[in-house]
Amino acid sequence: MEKQENNKYPFSDEYMRFDEKKGRYILTEKALLENAGIDLTIRLNAKASANPQAIVNGFLDRISSLTYRFIDGHTIDTVRRHYIIACAPSARPIMQEAMMAQALYVLTAGDLSLSADKEKRALWFDETARQILFTPLCETGYSLLYCGA
């Protein structure tokens, strides 16, 4: 598990950054390159664009949004859940791993949440990412998908 010297959460590093404005973690390009061997600039054919970094950043933001949206579908108190994700040290690596799995899924199958086909749209979230999100947090004893009161 990663630790900051000052133990201040949320925090950004070379693999995941916390976007204060959006209130969520977002993977970095380096996380996919070093952990999955995927060069997003090449994979997304971003070099053909006038602003390849914008394409990569947009993809990574979409993965974050999809992951948080899936978690939000399992709670009535999204503000508290987002606070736990941001501040619980054990939540950060779970989120990183789940977003990695979701990124691989979207790169392989496409963003099925945008499909016009209802059956395909129902398969929009990766099963591996879902299983990762069931990992209990050390701080609460519950997973990020815990639905209880």
Protein backbone atom coordinates (compact mmCIF):
# COMPACT_ATOMS: atom_id res chain seq x y z
CA MET A 1 0.00 0.00 0.00
CA GLU A 2 1.24 3.48 -0.88
CA LYS A 3 1.95 5.92 1.90
CA GLN A 4 2.57 9.61 1.84
CA GLU A 5 5.14 10.92 4.28
CA ASN A 6 2.63 13.41 5.64
CA ASN A 7 -0.32 10.95 5.36
CA LYS A 8 -2.40 13.68 3.71
CA TYR A 9 -5.26 12.43 1.56
CA PRO A 10 -6.35 12.81 -1.13
CA PHE A 11 -3.06 13.10 -2.98
CA SER A 12 -1.70 12.87 -6.48
CA ASP A 13 1.27 10.89 -7.69
CA GLU A 14 2.63 9.63 -11.00
CA TYR A 15 -0.06 6.93 -11.31
CA MET A 16 -3.20 8.69 -10.16
CA ARG A 17 -4.12 12.30 -9.56
CA PHE A 18 -6.91 13.80 -7.52
CA ASP A 19 -8.93 16.39 -9.41
CA GLU A 20 -10.12 18.85 -6.74
CA LYS A 21 -12.70 20.44 -9.04
CA LYS A 22 -14.32 17.11 -9.96
CA GLY A 23 -13.72 15.55 -6.55
CA ARG A 24 -12.36 12.29 -7.90
CA TYR A 25 -9.22 10.35 -8.67
CA ILE A 26 -8.12 10.00 -12.30
CA LEU A 27 -5.55 7.53 -13.60
CA THR A 28 -2.47 8.87 -15.33
CA GLU A 29 -1.12 7.83 -18.69
CA LYS A 30 1.95 6.47 -16.90
CA ALA A 31 -0.18 4.06 -14.82
CA LEU A 32 -1.43 2.28 -17.93
CA LEU A 33 1.97 2.36 -19.63
CA GLU A 34 3.92 0.92 -16.70
CA ASN A 35 1.30 -1.47 -15.32
CA ALA A 36 -0.35 -2.74 -18.51
CA GLY A 37 2.13 -1.82 -21.24
CA ILE A 38 -0.45 0.36 -22.99
CA ASP A 39 0.67 3.57 -24.65
CA LEU A 40 -2.58 5.54 -24.81
CA THR A 41 -1.27 8.06 -27.33
CA ILE A 42 -0.67 5.24 -29.80
CA ARG A 43 -3.70 3.13 -28.81
CA LEU A 44 -6.14 6.04 -29.12
CA ASN A 45 -4.49 7.18 -32.35
CA ALA A 46 -4.04 10.53 -30.64
CA LYS A 47 -0.91 11.45 -32.61
CA ALA A 48 -3.16 12.22 -35.58
CA SER A 49 -4.80 14.97 -33.52
CA ALA A 50 -3.70 18.57 -33.07
CA ASN A 51 -3.87 18.00 -29.30
CA PRO A 52 -3.01 14.36 -28.49
CA GLN A 53 -2.78 15.01 -24.74
CA ALA A 54 -6.38 16.24 -24.70
CA ILE A 55 -7.53 12.94 -26.21
CA VAL A 56 -5.59 10.92 -23.64
CA ASN A 57 -6.81 13.10 -20.76
CA GLY A 58 -10.38 12.84 -22.01
CA PHE A 59 -10.17 9.05 -22.09
CA LEU A 60 -8.72 8.86 -18.57
CA ASP A 61 -11.36 11.27 -17.26
CA ARG A 62 -14.08 9.09 -18.85
CA ILE A 63 -12.70 5.98 -17.11
CA SER A 64 -12.77 7.81 -13.78
CA SER A 65 -16.31 9.04 -14.42
CA LEU A 66 -17.54 5.54 -15.31
CA THR A 67 -15.95 4.02 -12.21
CA TYR A 68 -17.38 6.63 -9.85
CA ARG A 69 -20.79 6.36 -11.56
CA PHE A 70 -20.80 2.60 -10.96
CA ILE A 71 -19.92 3.11 -7.27
CA ASP A 72 -22.56 5.84 -6.95
CA GLY A 73 -25.17 3.37 -8.17
CA HIS A 74 -24.57 1.37 -4.98
CA THR A 75 -25.08 4.11 -2.39
CA ILE A 76 -27.61 6.71 -1.36
CA ASP A 77 -24.95 8.93 0.23
CA THR A 78 -22.57 9.71 -2.62
CA VAL A 79 -20.98 12.63 -0.77
CA ARG A 80 -19.88 10.36 2.09
CA ARG A 81 -18.73 7.63 -0.33
CA HIS A 82 -16.65 10.13 -2.30
CA TYR A 83 -15.14 11.40 0.96
CA ILE A 84 -14.18 7.84 1.92
CA ILE A 85 -12.61 7.25 -1.51
CA ALA A 86 -10.65 10.50 -1.24
CA CYS A 87 -9.48 10.13 2.36
CA ALA A 88 -9.23 6.42 3.24
CA PRO A 89 -5.70 5.18 2.49
CA SER A 90 -6.91 1.67 1.60
CA ALA A 91 -9.43 3.04 -0.95
CA ARG A 92 -6.80 4.60 -3.19
CA PRO A 93 -5.15 1.39 -4.46
CA ILE A 94 -8.57 -0.23 -4.89
CA MET A 95 -9.69 2.67 -7.06
CA GLN A 96 -6.47 2.57 -9.07
CA GLU A 97 -6.82 -1.14 -9.75
CA ALA A 98 -10.53 -0.86 -10.62
CA MET A 99 -9.92 2.03 -13.02
CA MET A 100 -7.09 0.07 -14.64
CA ALA A 101 -9.46 -2.85 -15.22
CA GLN A 102 -12.17 -0.55 -16.58
CA ALA A 103 -9.69 1.16 -18.91
CA LEU A 104 -8.60 -2.21 -20.32
CA TYR A 105 -12.25 -3.17 -20.79
CA VAL A 106 -13.13 0.04 -22.64
CA LEU A 107 -10.03 -0.22 -24.81
CA THR A 108 -11.02 -3.79 -25.71
CA ALA A 109 -14.83 -3.66 -25.95
CA GLY A 110 -15.46 0.06 -26.41
CA ASP A 111 -17.46 2.35 -24.17
CA LEU A 112 -20.63 0.28 -24.02
CA SER A 113 -22.35 2.88 -21.84
CA LEU A 114 -22.78 4.85 -25.07
CA SER A 115 -24.28 1.99 -27.06
CA ALA A 116 -27.72 2.38 -28.62
CA ASP A 117 -28.19 -1.37 -28.10
CA LYS A 118 -29.86 -1.87 -24.69
CA GLU A 119 -28.30 -5.33 -24.23
CA LYS A 120 -24.79 -4.04 -24.91
CA ARG A 121 -25.37 -0.99 -22.70
CA ALA A 122 -26.22 -3.31 -19.79
CA LEU A 123 -22.64 -4.65 -20.01
CA TRP A 124 -21.00 -1.22 -19.70
CA PHE A 125 -18.98 -1.94 -16.52
CA ASP A 126 -16.17 -4.50 -16.35
CA GLU A 127 -16.73 -7.56 -14.17
CA THR A 128 -13.11 -7.55 -12.94
CA ALA A 129 -13.40 -3.91 -11.89
CA ARG A 130 -16.66 -4.73 -10.09
CA GLN A 131 -15.00 -7.57 -8.16
CA ILE A 132 -12.09 -5.28 -7.21
CA LEU A 133 -14.55 -2.73 -5.81
CA PHE A 134 -15.94 -5.41 -3.48
CA THR A 135 -12.61 -5.44 -1.59
CA PRO A 136 -13.27 -4.35 2.03
CA LEU A 137 -11.57 -1.17 3.18
CA CYS A 138 -9.33 -1.42 6.25
CA GLU A 139 -10.86 1.75 7.68
CA THR A 140 -14.53 0.73 7.47
CA GLY A 141 -14.56 -3.04 7.02
CA TYR A 142 -16.96 -2.51 4.10
CA SER A 143 -16.39 -2.35 0.36
CA LEU A 144 -16.96 0.70 -1.81
CA LEU A 145 -20.05 -1.07 -3.12
CA TYR A 146 -21.56 -1.60 0.34
CA CYS A 147 -25.25 -0.73 0.18
CA GLY A 148 -26.16 -0.91 3.87
CA ALA A 149 -27.11 1.87 6.23
